[in-house]
Amino acid sequence: MPSSWKRSLELAYINHYIITKVNEKQPVNWLLLDLGLENVAEEYINQALDNLLIGFNRLFKYKSVKQATLGYFRMLDIFKQDERYHPNIHVLLPTMKSYFQGRYYIKHDKWLELWSKALGVNSNLYVKVKVVQSKDDNPLILKRMEQGLSALFDASETKRPTEDKKIIETRRLIGYSRLLKSEVDRLLPDVSFYLDIDNLCTDDTIANAAFDRMLAWHPGLRSEETNPFI
């Protein structure tokens, strides 16, 4: 298993644990937000990634976004297809409980407008927003959780070819802020605690649904369209 996909799986379990802890303490809504650029040529990829991360930080300083959200987890995912790059920031986003009922609600078109403003770009933008809701296939998700743990412990770890790594400069691939950062700061240093199904609250169907979506997220450069191990 490439070490980057192993890290992706580990983070899905850790974030599942964090979501359940937040849900125990306060009522929130959860969004999954994708913010990206499409069809970036190789000679522009590093400049595009710099702009992407600067724009992301700028976006979350806008008053309308800061008022509606309680923090975030973000992951930089760079999908390479042929000779084009498609960088994307996946965001796990807790919002105020009244988010959908009041003036703080941000529609998809508004997210797109704000993302364009933050980047200073009007074309080749990608924005996707999904509300995390309980799913009817919860038993299937629990099965995937068990499969993921088996993959983590049974698969041998491999490294990716260094060819593409030389093209893309090193960047911070993940980050937490505000409410989620405060929960991260309380985590135990031994990650194996969060890779034990008995230590996860699998009765939290919201956390389970978010986990299922996060299986497709990948930190860093990849050429696989989906997680090859789940």
Protein backbone atom coordinates (compact mmCIF):
# COMPACT_ATOMS: atom_id res chain seq x y z
CA MET A 1 0.00 0.00 0.00
CA PRO A 2 1.45 3.43 -0.91
CA SER A 3 2.17 5.32 2.31
CA SER A 4 -0.04 8.21 1.14
CA TRP A 5 -3.14 6.00 0.91
CA LYS A 6 -2.24 4.54 4.31
CA ARG A 7 -2.18 8.08 5.70
CA SER A 8 -5.54 8.75 4.04
CA LEU A 9 -7.10 5.78 5.81
CA GLU A 10 -5.60 6.74 9.16
CA LEU A 11 -7.00 10.26 8.87
CA ALA A 12 -10.47 8.95 8.02
CA TYR A 13 -10.53 7.01 11.32
CA ILE A 14 -9.07 9.90 13.31
CA ASN A 15 -11.60 12.34 11.85
CA HIS A 16 -14.42 9.87 12.57
CA TYR A 17 -13.36 9.95 16.22
CA ILE A 18 -13.18 13.77 16.20
CA ILE A 19 -16.65 14.10 14.66
CA THR A 20 -18.18 11.90 17.35
CA LYS A 21 -16.51 13.94 20.10
CA VAL A 22 -17.85 17.20 18.65
CA ASN A 23 -21.34 15.68 18.26
CA GLU A 24 -21.31 14.60 21.90
CA LYS A 25 -20.60 18.15 23.07
CA GLN A 26 -22.71 20.38 20.86
CA PRO A 27 -25.24 20.31 18.02
CA VAL A 28 -23.65 21.10 14.66
CA ASN A 29 -24.22 20.46 10.97
CA TRP A 30 -21.45 18.92 8.88
CA LEU A 31 -20.55 19.77 5.30
CA LEU A 32 -18.06 18.24 2.89
CA LEU A 33 -16.68 20.96 0.65
CA ASP A 34 -14.39 20.54 -2.35
CA LEU A 35 -12.52 23.58 -3.67
CA GLY A 36 -10.26 23.13 -6.64
CA LEU A 37 -8.85 23.97 -10.03
CA GLU A 38 -9.12 21.87 -13.17
CA ASN A 39 -6.77 21.12 -16.05
CA VAL A 40 -3.57 22.72 -14.79
CA ALA A 41 -0.53 22.26 -17.03
CA GLU A 42 2.67 20.87 -15.49
CA GLU A 43 4.63 24.11 -15.90
CA TYR A 44 2.01 25.98 -13.85
CA ILE A 45 1.22 23.43 -11.14
CA ASN A 46 3.42 24.88 -8.36
CA GLN A 47 2.13 28.39 -8.98
CA ALA A 48 -1.44 27.02 -9.00
CA LEU A 49 -0.91 25.19 -5.69
CA ASP A 50 0.48 28.33 -4.06
CA ASN A 51 -2.55 30.29 -5.27
CA LEU A 52 -4.89 27.52 -4.13
CA LEU A 53 -3.62 27.51 -0.53
CA ILE A 54 -3.42 31.31 -0.29
CA GLY A 55 -6.95 31.54 -1.69
CA PHE A 56 -8.20 28.95 0.78
CA ASN A 57 -6.85 30.92 3.74
CA ARG A 58 -8.36 34.09 2.29
CA LEU A 59 -11.76 32.41 1.82
CA PHE A 60 -12.02 31.40 5.46
CA LYS A 61 -11.33 34.94 6.58
CA TYR A 62 -14.37 36.28 4.73
CA LYS A 63 -17.03 37.38 7.20
CA SER A 64 -19.84 35.26 5.72
CA VAL A 65 -17.72 32.09 5.87
CA LYS A 66 -16.22 32.74 9.30
CA GLN A 67 -19.63 33.45 10.86
CA ALA A 68 -21.25 30.30 9.49
CA THR A 69 -18.45 27.82 10.17
CA LEU A 70 -16.81 26.56 13.36
CA GLY A 71 -13.48 25.46 11.94
CA TYR A 72 -12.31 22.88 9.42
CA PHE A 73 -10.15 19.94 8.48
CA ARG A 74 -8.61 20.36 5.04
CA MET A 75 -6.61 18.04 2.80
CA LEU A 76 -4.74 18.95 -0.39
CA ASP A 77 -5.36 16.27 -3.03
CA ILE A 78 -3.61 16.49 -6.43
CA PHE A 79 -4.96 14.14 -9.08
CA LYS A 80 -2.78 13.69 -12.18
CA GLN A 81 -4.44 12.46 -15.35
CA ASP A 82 -2.23 12.14 -18.42
CA GLU A 83 -0.22 15.39 -18.43
CA ARG A 84 -2.78 17.54 -16.61
CA TYR A 85 -3.20 18.18 -12.90
CA HIS A 86 -6.44 18.67 -10.95
CA PRO A 87 -5.58 20.05 -7.48
CA ASN A 88 -8.40 20.03 -4.96
CA ILE A 89 -8.81 20.91 -1.29
CA HIS A 90 -11.21 18.58 0.52
CA VAL A 91 -12.79 20.24 3.57
CA LEU A 92 -14.63 18.70 6.51
CA LEU A 93 -16.68 21.61 7.78
CA PRO A 94 -18.75 21.89 10.97
CA THR A 95 -21.29 24.70 10.87
CA MET A 96 -23.66 26.26 13.37
CA LYS A 97 -26.80 24.24 14.08
CA SER A 98 -29.03 26.93 12.56
CA TYR A 99 -26.93 27.10 9.39
CA PHE A 100 -29.75 26.00 7.06
CA GLN A 101 -32.45 28.10 8.72
CA GLY A 102 -30.96 31.56 8.86
CA ARG A 103 -29.10 34.21 6.97
CA TYR A 104 -25.77 32.44 7.35
CA TYR A 105 -26.59 29.72 4.81
CA ILE A 106 -24.20 29.73 1.83
CA LYS A 107 -25.60 28.30 -1.41
CA HIS A 108 -23.41 26.51 -3.95
CA ASP A 109 -23.37 29.49 -6.31
CA LYS A 110 -22.23 31.72 -3.45
CA TRP A 111 -19.43 29.30 -2.55
CA LEU A 112 -18.35 29.41 -6.19
CA GLU A 113 -18.44 33.20 -6.22
CA LEU A 114 -16.43 33.44 -3.00
CA TRP A 115 -13.89 30.85 -4.22
CA SER A 116 -13.44 32.79 -7.45
CA LYS A 117 -12.94 35.99 -5.48
CA ALA A 118 -10.45 34.37 -3.09
CA LEU A 119 -8.38 32.97 -5.95
CA GLY A 120 -8.73 35.94 -8.29
CA VAL A 121 -9.64 33.44 -11.02
CA ASN A 122 -12.83 33.09 -13.09
CA SER A 123 -12.27 29.89 -15.06
CA ASN A 124 -11.45 26.21 -14.49
CA LEU A 125 -12.84 26.38 -10.96
CA TYR A 126 -14.26 23.38 -9.14
CA VAL A 127 -16.66 23.63 -6.17
CA LYS A 128 -18.77 20.86 -4.69
CA VAL A 129 -20.79 21.04 -1.47
CA LYS A 130 -22.44 18.07 0.23
CA VAL A 131 -24.35 17.89 3.49
CA VAL A 132 -23.35 14.93 5.68
CA GLN A 133 -26.50 12.96 6.48
CA SER A 134 -27.23 9.58 7.99
CA LYS A 135 -27.26 6.89 5.30
CA ASP A 136 -29.45 3.83 4.93
CA ASP A 137 -26.44 1.65 4.15
CA ASN A 138 -24.85 2.05 7.59
CA PRO A 139 -24.11 -1.73 7.86
CA LEU A 140 -22.16 -1.48 4.58
CA ILE A 141 -20.18 1.47 5.93
CA LEU A 142 -19.31 -0.48 9.07
CA LYS A 143 -18.07 -3.30 6.86
CA ARG A 144 -15.86 -0.81 4.99
CA MET A 145 -14.50 0.44 8.30
CA GLU A 146 -13.46 -3.09 9.20
CA GLN A 147 -12.01 -3.67 5.72
CA GLY A 148 -9.99 -0.47 6.01
CA LEU A 149 -8.45 -1.60 9.28
CA SER A 150 -7.54 -4.94 7.74
CA ALA A 151 -5.92 -3.14 4.81
CA LEU A 152 -3.90 -0.95 7.15
CA PHE A 153 -2.53 -3.84 9.17
CA ASP A 154 -2.17 -6.49 6.46
CA ALA A 155 -0.88 -4.61 3.42
CA SER A 156 2.82 -3.94 3.03
CA GLU A 157 3.77 -0.29 2.68
CA THR A 158 5.32 0.95 -0.56
CA LYS A 159 6.66 4.28 -1.75
CA ARG A 160 5.56 6.13 -4.84
CA PRO A 161 8.00 6.75 -7.72
CA THR A 162 10.03 9.90 -7.05
CA GLU A 163 9.60 11.17 -10.62
CA ASP A 164 6.42 13.19 -10.05
CA LYS A 165 7.46 14.24 -6.54
CA LYS A 166 10.30 16.25 -8.04
CA ILE A 167 7.78 18.26 -10.07
CA ILE A 168 5.64 19.32 -7.13
CA GLU A 169 7.22 21.22 -4.26
CA THR A 170 6.61 20.09 -0.70
CA ARG A 171 3.58 21.65 0.99
CA ARG A 172 1.54 21.14 4.10
CA LEU A 173 -1.08 18.66 2.94
CA ILE A 174 -3.48 18.73 5.89
CA GLY A 175 -4.59 21.26 8.48
CA TYR A 176 -7.12 21.77 11.27
CA SER A 177 -8.59 25.01 12.61
CA ARG A 178 -10.68 26.36 15.48
CA LEU A 179 -13.13 23.75 16.88
CA LEU A 180 -11.50 20.80 15.14
CA LYS A 181 -8.01 21.99 16.07
CA SER A 182 -9.05 22.05 19.72
CA GLU A 183 -10.21 18.43 19.42
CA VAL A 184 -6.98 17.41 17.67
CA ASP A 185 -4.99 18.91 20.52
CA ARG A 186 -6.76 16.47 22.89
CA LEU A 187 -5.90 13.37 20.88
CA LEU A 188 -3.63 10.70 22.25
CA PRO A 189 -0.16 10.57 20.64
CA ASP A 190 -0.53 6.87 19.83
CA VAL A 191 -2.50 6.74 16.56
CA SER A 192 -3.20 3.02 17.02
CA PHE A 193 -5.92 3.93 19.57
CA TYR A 194 -8.03 5.37 16.72
CA LEU A 195 -7.38 2.32 14.53
CA ASP A 196 -9.31 0.02 16.86
CA ILE A 197 -12.99 -0.37 16.00
CA ASP A 198 -13.80 -0.79 19.70
CA ASN A 199 -12.59 2.76 20.40
CA LEU A 200 -14.81 4.32 17.73
CA CYS A 201 -18.45 5.29 18.27
CA THR A 202 -19.96 3.44 15.33
CA ASP A 203 -23.47 4.34 16.55
CA ASP A 204 -22.85 7.90 15.28
CA THR A 205 -24.30 7.57 11.78
CA ILE A 206 -23.21 11.10 10.83
CA ALA A 207 -19.58 10.26 11.62
CA ASN A 208 -19.97 6.99 9.73
CA ALA A 209 -21.34 8.78 6.64
CA ALA A 210 -18.49 11.31 6.73
CA PHE A 211 -15.96 8.48 7.10
CA ASP A 212 -17.37 6.78 4.02
CA ARG A 213 -16.92 9.94 1.95
CA MET A 214 -13.43 10.61 3.25
CA LEU A 215 -12.20 7.23 2.00
CA ALA A 216 -11.88 8.83 -1.44
CA TRP A 217 -9.68 11.67 -0.16
CA HIS A 218 -5.95 11.48 -0.68
CA PRO A 219 -3.14 13.68 0.70
CA GLY A 220 -0.73 14.75 -2.03
CA LEU A 221 -0.12 13.59 -5.59
CA ARG A 222 -1.89 10.53 -7.01
CA SER A 223 -2.85 8.96 -10.31
CA GLU A 224 -5.46 6.52 -8.96
CA GLU A 225 -9.03 7.77 -9.42
CA THR A 226 -10.29 5.96 -6.31
CA ASN A 227 -8.88 4.35 -3.19
CA PRO A 228 -7.57 1.00 -4.49
CA PHE A 229 -7.83 -0.72 -1.12
CA ILE A 230 -11.49 -0.17 -0.15
